[in-house]
PDB file of all heavy atoms in Angstrom:
ATOM      1  N   LYS A   1       0.838  -1.204   0.000  1.00  0.00           N
ATOM      2  CA  LYS A   1       0.000   0.000   0.000  1.00  0.00           C
ATOM      3  C   LYS A   1       0.870   1.249   0.000  1.00  0.00           C
ATOM      4  O   LYS A   1       0.585   2.217  -0.702  1.00  0.00           O
ATOM      5  CB  LYS A   1      -0.927   0.005   1.214  1.00  0.00           C
ATOM      6  CG  LYS A   1      -2.079  -0.971   1.107  1.00  0.00           C
ATOM      7  CD  LYS A   1      -2.925  -0.940   2.377  1.00  0.00           C
ATOM      8  CE  LYS A   1      -3.977  -2.018   2.345  1.00  0.00           C
ATOM      9  NZ  LYS A   1      -4.713  -2.106   3.624  1.00  0.00           N
ATOM     10  N   ALA A   2       1.944   1.242   0.816  1.00  0.00           N
ATOM     11  CA  ALA A   2       2.848   2.390   0.877  1.00  0.00           C
ATOM     12  C   ALA A   2       3.549   2.585  -0.469  1.00  0.00           C
ATOM     13  O   ALA A   2       3.695   3.712  -0.957  1.00  0.00           O
ATOM     14  CB  ALA A   2       3.873   2.212   1.992  1.00  0.00           C
ATOM     15  N   LEU A   3       3.957   1.489  -1.095  1.00  0.00           N
ATOM     16  CA  LEU A   3       4.602   1.568  -2.403  1.00  0.00           C
ATOM     17  C   LEU A   3       3.633   2.136  -3.437  1.00  0.00           C
ATOM     18  O   LEU A   3       3.998   3.018  -4.226  1.00  0.00           O
ATOM     19  CB  LEU A   3       5.097   0.195  -2.843  1.00  0.00           C
ATOM     20  CG  LEU A   3       5.818   0.162  -4.182  1.00  0.00           C
ATOM     21  CD1 LEU A   3       7.130   0.932  -4.113  1.00  0.00           C
ATOM     22  CD2 LEU A   3       6.062  -1.271  -4.608  1.00  0.00           C
ATOM     23  N   ASP A   4       2.390   1.651  -3.441  1.00  0.00           N
ATOM     24  CA  ASP A   4       1.377   2.179  -4.359  1.00  0.00           C
ATOM     25  C   ASP A   4       1.198   3.679  -4.157  1.00  0.00           C
ATOM     26  O   ASP A   4       1.111   4.438  -5.124  1.00  0.00           O
ATOM     27  CB  ASP A   4       0.037   1.474  -4.155  1.00  0.00           C
ATOM     28  CG  ASP A   4       0.011   0.065  -4.710  1.00  0.00           C
ATOM     29  OD1 ASP A   4       0.869  -0.264  -5.556  1.00  0.00           O
ATOM     30  OD2 ASP A   4      -0.872  -0.713  -4.296  1.00  0.00           O
ATOM     31  N   GLU A   5       1.127   4.107  -2.894  1.00  0.00           N
ATOM     32  CA  GLU A   5       0.936   5.523  -2.602  1.00  0.00           C
ATOM     33  C   GLU A   5       2.118   6.348  -3.115  1.00  0.00           C
ATOM     34  O   GLU A   5       1.935   7.405  -3.722  1.00  0.00           O
ATOM     35  CB  GLU A   5       0.762   5.742  -1.096  1.00  0.00           C
ATOM     36  CG  GLU A   5       0.469   7.182  -0.739  1.00  0.00           C
ATOM     37  CD  GLU A   5       0.166   7.377   0.732  1.00  0.00           C
ATOM     38  OE1 GLU A   5      -0.355   6.438   1.376  1.00  0.00           O
ATOM     39  OE2 GLU A   5       0.450   8.474   1.228  1.00  0.00           O
ATOM     40  N   LEU A   6       3.327   5.842  -2.913  1.00  0.00           N
ATOM     41  CA  LEU A   6       4.515   6.542  -3.388  1.00  0.00           C
ATOM     42  C   LEU A   6       4.490   6.691  -4.908  1.00  0.00           C
ATOM     43  O   LEU A   6       4.696   7.785  -5.447  1.00  0.00           O
ATOM     44  CB  LEU A   6       5.779   5.790  -2.957  1.00  0.00           C
ATOM     45  CG  LEU A   6       7.107   6.413  -3.360  1.00  0.00           C
ATOM     46  CD1 LEU A   6       7.327   7.715  -2.611  1.00  0.00           C
ATOM     47  CD2 LEU A   6       8.238   5.441  -3.075  1.00  0.00           C
ATOM     48  N   VAL A   7       4.207   5.599  -5.603  1.00  0.00           N
ATOM     49  CA  VAL A   7       4.170   5.629  -7.073  1.00  0.00           C
ATOM     50  C   VAL A   7       3.027   6.509  -7.564  1.00  0.00           C
ATOM     51  O   VAL A   7       3.214   7.342  -8.464  1.00  0.00           O
ATOM     52  CB  VAL A   7       4.049   4.203  -7.646  1.00  0.00           C
ATOM     53  CG1 VAL A   7       3.751   4.236  -9.139  1.00  0.00           C
ATOM     54  CG2 VAL A   7       5.313   3.403  -7.364  1.00  0.00           C
ATOM     55  N   ASN A   8       1.845   6.362  -6.971  1.00  0.00           N
ATOM     56  CA  ASN A   8       0.669   7.109  -7.429  1.00  0.00           C
ATOM     57  C   ASN A   8       0.781   8.608  -7.189  1.00  0.00           C
ATOM     58  O   ASN A   8       0.119   9.403  -7.855  1.00  0.00           O
ATOM     59  CB  ASN A   8      -0.600   6.565  -6.780  1.00  0.00           C
ATOM     60  CG  ASN A   8      -0.935   5.163  -7.259  1.00  0.00           C
ATOM     61  OD1 ASN A   8      -0.548   4.756  -8.348  1.00  0.00           O
ATOM     62  ND2 ASN A   8      -1.642   4.419  -6.428  1.00  0.00           N
ATOM     63  N   ASN A   9       1.621   9.010  -6.226  1.00  0.00           N
ATOM     64  CA  ASN A   9       1.772  10.427  -5.901  1.00  0.00           C
ATOM     65  C   ASN A   9       3.099  10.996  -6.381  1.00  0.00           C
ATOM     66  O   ASN A   9       3.547  12.036  -5.898  1.00  0.00           O
ATOM     67  CB  ASN A   9       1.613  10.644  -4.392  1.00  0.00           C
ATOM     68  CG  ASN A   9       0.195  10.379  -3.946  1.00  0.00           C
ATOM     69  OD1 ASN A   9      -0.748  10.903  -4.526  1.00  0.00           O
ATOM     70  ND2 ASN A   9       0.027   9.534  -2.951  1.00  0.00           N
ATOM     71  N   SER A  10       3.735  10.319  -7.328  1.00  0.00           N
ATOM     72  CA  SER A  10       5.009  10.779  -7.885  1.00  0.00           C
ATOM     73  C   SER A  10       4.903  10.855  -9.401  1.00  0.00           C
ATOM     74  O   SER A  10       4.227  10.044 -10.026  1.00  0.00           O
ATOM     75  CB  SER A  10       6.139   9.801  -7.532  1.00  0.00           C
ATOM     76  OG  SER A  10       6.305   9.699  -6.142  1.00  0.00           O
ATOM     77  N   GLU A  11       5.609  11.814  -9.960  1.00  0.00           N
ATOM     78  CA  GLU A  11       5.711  11.887 -11.414  1.00  0.00           C
ATOM     79  C   GLU A  11       6.774  10.892 -11.859  1.00  0.00           C
ATOM     80  O   GLU A  11       7.864  10.821 -11.274  1.00  0.00           O
ATOM     81  CB  GLU A  11       6.103  13.292 -11.844  1.00  0.00           C
ATOM     82  CG  GLU A  11       6.219  13.446 -13.345  1.00  0.00           C
ATOM     83  CD  GLU A  11       6.677  14.837 -13.762  1.00  0.00           C
ATOM     84  OE1 GLU A  11       6.972  15.679 -12.888  1.00  0.00           O
ATOM     85  OE2 GLU A  11       6.753  15.056 -14.984  1.00  0.00           O
ATOM     86  N   ILE A  12       6.457  10.101 -12.875  1.00  0.00           N
ATOM     87  CA  ILE A  12       7.414   9.145 -13.430  1.00  0.00           C
ATOM     88  C   ILE A  12       8.174   9.844 -14.551  1.00  0.00           C
ATOM     89  O   ILE A  12       7.568  10.333 -15.503  1.00  0.00           O
ATOM     90  CB  ILE A  12       6.703   7.889 -13.964  1.00  0.00           C
ATOM     91  CG1 ILE A  12       5.984   7.163 -12.825  1.00  0.00           C
ATOM     92  CG2 ILE A  12       7.707   6.970 -14.663  1.00  0.00           C
ATOM     93  CD1 ILE A  12       5.078   6.040 -13.286  1.00  0.00           C
ATOM     94  N   ILE A  13       9.493   9.902 -14.399  1.00  0.00           N
ATOM     95  CA  ILE A  13      10.358  10.513 -15.408  1.00  0.00           C
ATOM     96  C   ILE A  13      11.096   9.390 -16.136  1.00  0.00           C
ATOM     97  O   ILE A  13      11.836   8.629 -15.514  1.00  0.00           O
ATOM     98  CB  ILE A  13      11.400  11.458 -14.761  1.00  0.00           C
ATOM     99  CG1 ILE A  13      10.735  12.489 -13.862  1.00  0.00           C
ATOM    100  CG2 ILE A  13      12.283  12.097 -15.832  1.00  0.00           C
ATOM    101  CD1 ILE A  13       9.830  13.468 -14.544  1.00  0.00           C
ATOM    102  N   ILE A  14      10.869   9.255 -17.431  1.00  0.00           N
ATOM    103  CA  ILE A  14      11.575   8.260 -18.239  1.00  0.00           C
ATOM    104  C   ILE A  14      12.746   8.986 -18.898  1.00  0.00           C
ATOM    105  O   ILE A  14      12.576   9.713 -19.872  1.00  0.00           O
ATOM    106  CB  ILE A  14      10.661   7.622 -19.316  1.00  0.00           C
ATOM    107  CG1 ILE A  14       9.458   6.952 -18.680  1.00  0.00           C
ATOM    108  CG2 ILE A  14      11.466   6.641 -20.179  1.00  0.00           C
ATOM    109  CD1 ILE A  14       9.785   5.823 -17.731  1.00  0.00           C
ATOM    110  N   ASP A  15      13.945   8.795 -18.342  1.00  0.00           N
ATOM    111  CA  ASP A  15      15.118   9.452 -18.901  1.00  0.00           C
ATOM    112  C   ASP A  15      15.972   8.510 -19.753  1.00  0.00           C
ATOM    113  O   ASP A  15      16.933   8.944 -20.388  1.00  0.00           O
ATOM    114  CB  ASP A  15      15.960  10.110 -17.814  1.00  0.00           C
ATOM    115  CG  ASP A  15      16.440   9.167 -16.739  1.00  0.00           C
ATOM    116  OD1 ASP A  15      15.988   8.003 -16.699  1.00  0.00           O
ATOM    117  OD2 ASP A  15      17.281   9.583 -15.920  1.00  0.00           O
ATOM    118  N   ARG A  16      15.592   7.233 -19.781  1.00  0.00           N
ATOM    119  CA  ARG A  16      16.289   6.256 -20.616  1.00  0.00           C
ATOM    120  C   ARG A  16      15.242   5.376 -21.314  1.00  0.00           C
ATOM    121  O   ARG A  16      14.956   4.266 -20.880  1.00  0.00           O
ATOM    122  CB  ARG A  16      17.237   5.414 -19.773  1.00  0.00           C
ATOM    123  CG  ARG A  16      18.297   6.293 -19.098  1.00  0.00           C
ATOM    124  CD  ARG A  16      19.168   5.526 -18.178  1.00  0.00           C
ATOM    125  NE  ARG A  16      19.983   6.446 -17.403  1.00  0.00           N
ATOM    126  CZ  ARG A  16      20.831   6.074 -16.487  1.00  0.00           C
ATOM    127  NH1 ARG A  16      21.007   4.795 -16.211  1.00  0.00           N
ATOM    128  NH2 ARG A  16      21.520   6.966 -15.813  1.00  0.00           N
ATOM    129  N   PRO A  17      14.672   5.885 -22.396  1.00  0.00           N
ATOM    130  CA  PRO A  17      13.615   5.146 -23.089  1.00  0.00           C
ATOM    131  C   PRO A  17      14.122   3.833 -23.693  1.00  0.00           C
ATOM    132  O   PRO A  17      15.310   3.698 -24.016  1.00  0.00           O
ATOM    133  CB  PRO A  17      13.170   6.097 -24.196  1.00  0.00           C
ATOM    134  CG  PRO A  17      13.715   7.436 -23.840  1.00  0.00           C
ATOM    135  CD  PRO A  17      14.926   7.193 -22.989  1.00  0.00           C
ATOM    136  N   LYS A  18      13.197   2.916 -23.847  1.00  0.00           N
ATOM    137  CA  LYS A  18      13.474   1.638 -24.503  1.00  0.00           C
ATOM    138  C   LYS A  18      14.174   1.903 -25.833  1.00  0.00           C
ATOM    139  O   LYS A  18      13.768   2.789 -26.593  1.00  0.00           O
ATOM    140  CB  LYS A  18      12.144   0.910 -24.727  1.00  0.00           C
ATOM    141  CG  LYS A  18      12.256  -0.418 -25.410  1.00  0.00           C
ATOM    142  CD  LYS A  18      10.871  -1.026 -25.553  1.00  0.00           C
ATOM    143  CE  LYS A  18      10.920  -2.343 -26.289  1.00  0.00           C
ATOM    144  NZ  LYS A  18       9.592  -2.952 -26.386  1.00  0.00           N
ATOM    145  N   GLY A  19      15.259   1.176 -26.084  1.00  0.00           N
ATOM    146  CA  GLY A  19      15.993   1.316 -27.337  1.00  0.00           C
ATOM    147  C   GLY A  19      17.179   2.263 -27.274  1.00  0.00           C
ATOM    148  O   GLY A  19      17.976   2.323 -28.214  1.00  0.00           O
ATOM    149  N   THR A  20      17.308   3.024 -26.169  1.00  0.00           N
ATOM    150  CA  THR A  20      18.445   3.939 -26.042  1.00  0.00           C
ATOM    151  C   THR A  20      19.589   3.261 -25.300  1.00  0.00           C
ATOM    152  O   THR A  20      19.405   2.240 -24.631  1.00  0.00           O
ATOM    153  CB  THR A  20      18.056   5.238 -25.304  1.00  0.00           C
ATOM    154  OG1 THR A  20      17.630   4.929 -23.971  1.00  0.00           O
ATOM    155  CG2 THR A  20      16.946   5.969 -26.047  1.00  0.00           C
ATOM    156  N   SER A  21      20.780   3.842 -25.411  1.00  0.00           N
ATOM    157  CA  SER A  21      21.942   3.253 -24.750  1.00  0.00           C
ATOM    158  C   SER A  21      22.207   3.929 -23.406  1.00  0.00           C
ATOM    159  O   SER A  21      21.823   5.079 -23.180  1.00  0.00           O
ATOM    160  CB  SER A  21      23.179   3.343 -25.646  1.00  0.00           C
ATOM    161  OG  SER A  21      23.471   4.685 -25.941  1.00  0.00           O
ATOM    162  N   HIS A  22      22.876   3.209 -22.532  1.00  0.00           N
ATOM    163  CA  HIS A  22      23.255   3.713 -21.208  1.00  0.00           C
ATOM    164  C   HIS A  22      24.271   4.842 -21.394  1.00  0.00           C
ATOM    165  O   HIS A  22      25.151   4.744 -22.238  1.00  0.00           O
ATOM    166  CB  HIS A  22      23.859   2.565 -20.393  1.00  0.00           C
ATOM    167  CG  HIS A  22      24.077   2.912 -18.961  1.00  0.00           C
ATOM    168  ND1 HIS A  22      25.134   3.692 -18.540  1.00  0.00           N
ATOM    169  CD2 HIS A  22      23.392   2.570 -17.845  1.00  0.00           C
ATOM    170  CE1 HIS A  22      25.096   3.820 -17.234  1.00  0.00           C
ATOM    171  NE2 HIS A  22      24.044   3.160 -16.783  1.00  0.00           N
ATOM    172  N   PRO A  23      24.181   5.930 -20.608  1.00  0.00           N
ATOM    173  CA  PRO A  23      25.095   7.060 -20.795  1.00  0.00           C
ATOM    174  C   PRO A  23      26.574   6.720 -20.548  1.00  0.00           C
ATOM    175  O   PRO A  23      27.448   7.286 -21.202  1.00  0.00           O
ATOM    176  CB  PRO A  23      24.602   8.111 -19.799  1.00  0.00           C
ATOM    177  CG  PRO A  23      23.635   7.431 -18.905  1.00  0.00           C
ATOM    178  CD  PRO A  23      23.176   6.179 -19.580  1.00  0.00           C
ATOM    179  N   LYS A  24      26.847   5.796 -19.641  1.00  0.00           N
ATOM    180  CA  LYS A  24      28.244   5.434 -19.351  1.00  0.00           C
ATOM    181  C   LYS A  24      28.697   4.177 -20.083  1.00  0.00           C
ATOM    182  O   LYS A  24      29.893   3.962 -20.257  1.00  0.00           O
ATOM    183  CB  LYS A  24      28.438   5.211 -17.850  1.00  0.00           C
ATOM    184  CG  LYS A  24      28.351   6.465 -17.025  1.00  0.00           C
ATOM    185  CD  LYS A  24      28.644   6.158 -15.567  1.00  0.00           C
ATOM    186  CE  LYS A  24      28.501   7.402 -14.713  1.00  0.00           C
ATOM    187  NZ  LYS A  24      28.660   7.113 -13.291  1.00  0.00           N
ATOM    188  N   TYR A  25      27.765   3.330 -20.473  1.00  0.00           N
ATOM    189  CA  TYR A  25      28.072   2.058 -21.123  1.00  0.00           C
ATOM    190  C   TYR A  25      27.294   1.976 -22.438  1.00  0.00           C
ATOM    191  O   TYR A  25      26.225   1.382 -22.502  1.00  0.00           O
ATOM    192  CB  TYR A  25      27.708   0.886 -20.197  1.00  0.00           C
ATOM    193  CG  TYR A  25      28.301   1.036 -18.818  1.00  0.00           C
ATOM    194  CD1 TYR A  25      27.525   1.477 -17.747  1.00  0.00           C
ATOM    195  CD2 TYR A  25      29.645   0.760 -18.597  1.00  0.00           C
ATOM    196  CE1 TYR A  25      28.075   1.632 -16.480  1.00  0.00           C
ATOM    197  CE2 TYR A  25      30.198   0.911 -17.333  1.00  0.00           C
ATOM    198  CZ  TYR A  25      29.418   1.348 -16.277  1.00  0.00           C
ATOM    199  OH  TYR A  25      29.968   1.503 -15.031  1.00  0.00           O
ATOM    200  N   PRO A  26      27.821   2.569 -23.498  1.00  0.00           N
ATOM    201  CA  PRO A  26      27.062   2.687 -24.757  1.00  0.00           C
ATOM    202  C   PRO A  26      26.664   1.358 -25.390  1.00  0.00           C
ATOM    203  O   PRO A  26      25.733   1.325 -26.182  1.00  0.00           O
ATOM    204  CB  PRO A  26      27.991   3.478 -25.672  1.00  0.00           C
ATOM    205  CG  PRO A  26      29.313   3.545 -24.990  1.00  0.00           C
ATOM    206  CD  PRO A  26      29.126   3.196 -23.561  1.00  0.00           C
ATOM    207  N   ASP A  27      27.322   0.267 -25.029  1.00  0.00           N
ATOM    208  CA  ASP A  27      26.938  -1.041 -25.573  1.00  0.00           C
ATOM    209  C   ASP A  27      25.681  -1.597 -24.905  1.00  0.00           C
ATOM    210  O   ASP A  27      25.079  -2.536 -25.411  1.00  0.00           O
ATOM    211  CB  ASP A  27      28.080  -2.050 -25.421  1.00  0.00           C
ATOM    212  CG  ASP A  27      29.263  -1.716 -26.324  1.00  0.00           C
ATOM    213  OD1 ASP A  27      29.063  -0.984 -27.322  1.00  0.00           O
ATOM    214  OD2 ASP A  27      30.373  -2.173 -26.030  1.00  0.00           O
ATOM    215  N   PHE A  28      25.308  -1.013 -23.764  1.00  0.00           N
ATOM    216  CA  PHE A  28      24.115  -1.468 -23.053  1.00  0.00           C
ATOM    217  C   PHE A  28      22.903  -0.718 -23.599  1.00  0.00           C
ATOM    218  O   PHE A  28      22.824   0.504 -23.511  1.00  0.00           O
ATOM    219  CB  PHE A  28      24.244  -1.236 -21.545  1.00  0.00           C
ATOM    220  CG  PHE A  28      23.013  -1.635 -20.790  1.00  0.00           C
ATOM    221  CD1 PHE A  28      22.821  -2.950 -20.407  1.00  0.00           C
ATOM    222  CD2 PHE A  28      22.029  -0.708 -20.481  1.00  0.00           C
ATOM    223  CE1 PHE A  28      21.681  -3.335 -19.726  1.00  0.00           C
ATOM    224  CE2 PHE A  28      20.887  -1.085 -19.800  1.00  0.00           C
ATOM    225  CZ  PHE A  28      20.712  -2.402 -19.427  1.00  0.00           C
ATOM    226  N   ILE A  29      21.957  -1.452 -24.157  1.00  0.00           N
ATOM    227  CA  ILE A  29      20.734  -0.868 -24.711  1.00  0.00           C
ATOM    228  C   ILE A  29      19.552  -1.232 -23.812  1.00  0.00           C
ATOM    229  O   ILE A  29      19.352  -2.400 -23.479  1.00  0.00           O
ATOM    230  CB  ILE A  29      20.460  -1.399 -26.140  1.00  0.00           C
ATOM    231  CG1 ILE A  29      21.673  -1.171 -27.050  1.00  0.00           C
ATOM    232  CG2 ILE A  29      19.184  -0.772 -26.720  1.00  0.00           C
ATOM    233  CD1 ILE A  29      22.057   0.282 -27.243  1.00  0.00           C
ATOM    234  N   TYR A  30      18.780  -0.238 -23.409  1.00  0.00           N
ATOM    235  CA  TYR A  30      17.597  -0.484 -22.581  1.00  0.00           C
ATOM    236  C   TYR A  30      16.529  -1.179 -23.404  1.00  0.00           C
ATOM    237  O   TYR A  30      16.163  -0.706 -24.473  1.00  0.00           O
ATOM    238  CB  TYR A  30      17.066   0.829 -21.997  1.00  0.00           C
ATOM    239  CG  TYR A  30      17.953   1.346 -20.899  1.00  0.00           C
ATOM    240  CD1 TYR A  30      18.996   2.217 -21.177  1.00  0.00           C
ATOM    241  CD2 TYR A  30      17.770   0.924 -19.596  1.00  0.00           C
ATOM    242  CE1 TYR A  30      19.837   2.670 -20.172  1.00  0.00           C
ATOM    243  CE2 TYR A  30      18.602   1.376 -18.584  1.00  0.00           C
ATOM    244  CZ  TYR A  30      19.631   2.243 -18.879  1.00  0.00           C
ATOM    245  OH  TYR A  30      20.462   2.665 -17.875  1.00  0.00           O
ATOM    246  N   ARG A  31      16.024  -2.307 -22.885  1.00  0.00           N
ATOM    247  CA  ARG A  31      14.988  -3.064 -23.591  1.00  0.00           C
ATOM    248  C   ARG A  31      13.603  -2.815 -23.002  1.00  0.00           C
ATOM    249  O   ARG A  31      12.605  -3.314 -23.505  1.00  0.00           O
ATOM    250  CB  ARG A  31      15.333  -4.554 -23.564  1.00  0.00           C
ATOM    251  CG  ARG A  31      16.645  -4.826 -24.332  1.00  0.00           C
ATOM    252  CD  ARG A  31      16.987  -6.277 -24.391  1.00  0.00           C
ATOM    253  NE  ARG A  31      17.379  -6.758 -23.064  1.00  0.00           N
ATOM    254  CZ  ARG A  31      17.358  -8.031 -22.704  1.00  0.00           C
ATOM    255  NH1 ARG A  31      16.956  -8.964 -23.543  1.00  0.00           N
ATOM    256  NH2 ARG A  31      17.735  -8.387 -21.492  1.00  0.00           N
ATOM    257  N   VAL A  32      13.543  -2.040 -21.921  1.00  0.00           N
ATOM    258  CA  VAL A  32      12.297  -1.605 -21.281  1.00  0.00           C
ATOM    259  C   VAL A  32      12.547  -0.164 -20.834  1.00  0.00           C
ATOM    260  O   VAL A  32      13.668   0.184 -20.451  1.00  0.00           O
ATOM    261  CB  VAL A  32      11.960  -2.500 -20.055  1.00  0.00           C
ATOM    262  CG1 VAL A  32      10.727  -1.997 -19.323  1.00  0.00           C
ATOM    263  CG2 VAL A  32      11.768  -3.956 -20.467  1.00  0.00           C
ATOM    264  N   ASP A  33      11.526   0.703 -20.896  1.00  0.00           N
ATOM    265  CA  ASP A  33      11.686   2.090 -20.437  1.00  0.00           C
ATOM    266  C   ASP A  33      12.214   2.122 -19.008  1.00  0.00           C
ATOM    267  O   ASP A  33      11.760   1.353 -18.146  1.00  0.00           O
ATOM    268  CB  ASP A  33      10.344   2.835 -20.476  1.00  0.00           C
ATOM    269  CG  ASP A  33       9.896   3.204 -21.879  1.00  0.00           C
ATOM    270  OD1 ASP A  33      10.741   3.241 -22.789  1.00  0.00           O
ATOM    271  OD2 ASP A  33       8.687   3.455 -22.051  1.00  0.00           O
ATOM    272  N   TYR A  34      13.162   3.042 -18.750  1.00  0.00           N
ATOM    273  CA  TYR A  34      13.796   3.142 -17.442  1.00  0.00           C
ATOM    274  C   TYR A  34      13.821   4.601 -17.015  1.00  0.00           C
ATOM    275  O   TYR A  34      14.054   5.494 -17.832  1.00  0.00           O
ATOM    276  CB  TYR A  34      15.229   2.607 -17.535  1.00  0.00           C
ATOM    277  CG  TYR A  34      15.972   2.527 -16.232  1.00  0.00           C
ATOM    278  CD1 TYR A  34      15.745   1.494 -15.347  1.00  0.00           C
ATOM    279  CD2 TYR A  34      16.916   3.485 -15.895  1.00  0.00           C
ATOM    280  CE1 TYR A  34      16.431   1.402 -14.151  1.00  0.00           C
ATOM    281  CE2 TYR A  34      17.616   3.402 -14.707  1.00  0.00           C
ATOM    282  CZ  TYR A  34      17.373   2.360 -13.844  1.00  0.00           C
ATOM    283  OH  TYR A  34      18.059   2.276 -12.653  1.00  0.00           O
ATOM    284  N   GLY A  35      13.572   4.837 -15.748  1.00  0.00           N
ATOM    285  CA  GLY A  35      13.590   6.207 -15.248  1.00  0.00           C
ATOM    286  C   GLY A  35      13.573   6.238 -13.740  1.00  0.00           C
ATOM    287  O   GLY A  35      14.136   5.367 -13.078  1.00  0.00           O
ATOM    288  N   TYR A  36      12.872   7.231 -13.194  1.00  0.00           N
ATOM    289  CA  TYR A  36      12.840   7.401 -11.740  1.00  0.00           C
ATOM    290  C   TYR A  36      11.569   8.137 -11.330  1.00  0.00           C
ATOM    291  O   TYR A  36      10.876   8.723 -12.165  1.00  0.00           O
ATOM    292  CB  TYR A  36      14.081   8.151 -11.262  1.00  0.00           C
ATOM    293  CG  TYR A  36      14.195   9.558 -11.816  1.00  0.00           C
ATOM    294  CD1 TYR A  36      13.710  10.654 -11.104  1.00  0.00           C
ATOM    295  CD2 TYR A  36      14.781   9.799 -13.059  1.00  0.00           C
ATOM    296  CE1 TYR A  36      13.805  11.935 -11.614  1.00  0.00           C
ATOM    297  CE2 TYR A  36      14.886  11.065 -13.576  1.00  0.00           C
ATOM    298  CZ  TYR A  36      14.396  12.137 -12.843  1.00  0.00           C
ATOM    299  OH  TYR A  36      14.484  13.412 -13.360  1.00  0.00           O
ATOM    300  N   LEU A  37      11.284   8.089 -10.034  1.00  0.00           N
ATOM    301  CA  LEU A  37      10.165   8.829  -9.467  1.00  0.00           C
ATOM    302  C   LEU A  37      10.679  10.196  -9.026  1.00  0.00           C
ATOM    303  O   LEU A  37      11.642  10.267  -8.243  1.00  0.00           O
ATOM    304  CB  LEU A  37       9.571   8.087  -8.269  1.00  0.00           C
ATOM    305  CG  LEU A  37       8.984   6.710  -8.535  1.00  0.00           C
ATOM    306  CD1 LEU A  37       8.504   6.090  -7.220  1.00  0.00           C
ATOM    307  CD2 LEU A  37       7.847   6.771  -9.537  1.00  0.00           C
ATOM    308  N   SER A  38      10.061  11.263  -9.518  1.00  0.00           N
ATOM    309  CA  SER A  38      10.508  12.606  -9.146  1.00  0.00           C
ATOM    310  C   SER A  38      10.292  12.846  -7.653  1.00  0.00           C
ATOM    311  O   SER A  38       9.416  12.246  -7.026  1.00  0.00           O
ATOM    312  CB  SER A  38       9.765  13.662  -9.963  1.00  0.00           C
ATOM    313  OG  SER A  38       8.391  13.655  -9.632  1.00  0.00           O
ATOM    314  N   ASP A  39      11.118  13.695  -7.113  1.00  0.00           N
ATOM    315  CA  ASP A  39      11.027  14.092  -5.699  1.00  0.00           C
ATOM    316  C   ASP A  39      11.100  12.916  -4.731  1.00  0.00           C
ATOM    317  O   ASP A  39      10.421  12.899  -3.702  1.00  0.00           O
ATOM    318  CB  ASP A  39       9.750  14.913  -5.440  1.00  0.00           C
ATOM    319  CG  ASP A  39       9.720  16.186  -6.270  1.00  0.00           C
ATOM    320  OD1 ASP A  39      10.784  16.819  -6.423  1.00  0.00           O
ATOM    321  OD2 ASP A  39       8.640  16.540  -6.775  1.00  0.00           O
ATOM    322  N   THR A  40      11.897  11.904  -5.081  1.00  0.00           N
ATOM    323  CA  THR A  40      12.174  10.782  -4.183  1.00  0.00           C
ATOM    324  C   THR A  40      13.679  10.607  -4.139  1.00  0.00           C
ATOM    325  O   THR A  40      14.417  11.215  -4.928  1.00  0.00           O
ATOM    326  CB  THR A  40      11.534   9.464  -4.691  1.00  0.00           C
ATOM    327  OG1 THR A  40      12.118   9.103  -5.952  1.00  0.00           O
ATOM    328  CG2 THR A  40      10.025   9.583  -4.808  1.00  0.00           C
ATOM    329  N   SER A  41      14.161   9.791  -3.213  1.00  0.00           N
ATOM    330  CA  SER A  41      15.603   9.513  -3.171  1.00  0.00           C
ATOM    331  C   SER A  41      15.833   8.060  -2.825  1.00  0.00           C
ATOM    332  O   SER A  41      15.057   7.437  -2.103  1.00  0.00           O
ATOM    333  CB  SER A  41      16.316  10.422  -2.170  1.00  0.00           C
ATOM    334  OG  SER A  41      15.850  10.180  -0.870  1.00  0.00           O
ATOM    335  N   SER A  42      16.907   7.545  -3.376  1.00  0.00           N
ATOM    336  CA  SER A  42      17.298   6.162  -3.168  1.00  0.00           C
ATOM    337  C   SER A  42      18.692   6.149  -2.553  1.00  0.00           C
ATOM    338  O   SER A  42      19.261   7.202  -2.248  1.00  0.00           O
ATOM    339  CB  SER A  42      17.271   5.434  -4.513  1.00  0.00           C
ATOM    340  OG  SER A  42      17.355   4.047  -4.326  1.00  0.00           O
ATOM    341  N   MET A  43      19.261   4.972  -2.412  1.00  0.00           N
ATOM    342  CA  MET A  43      20.572   4.829  -1.777  1.00  0.00           C
ATOM    343  C   MET A  43      21.654   5.631  -2.493  1.00  0.00           C
ATOM    344  O   MET A  43      22.589   6.096  -1.866  1.00  0.00           O
ATOM    345  CB  MET A  43      20.993   3.362  -1.729  1.00  0.00           C
ATOM    346  CG  MET A  43      20.157   2.509  -0.794  1.00  0.00           C
ATOM    347  SD  MET A  43      20.294   2.993   0.931  1.00  0.00           S
ATOM    348  CE  MET A  43      22.011   2.637   1.249  1.00  0.00           C
TER     349      MET A  43
END
């Protein structure tokens, strides 16, 4: 429930769309959209 609330109340920013390469490792191509939740922090 807490996870749902966090996701539902955050903007999802897709900064690495499917098909694009990793900024530091250009051989790595994202096969699923990747991003982050705005106004949150991780480790």
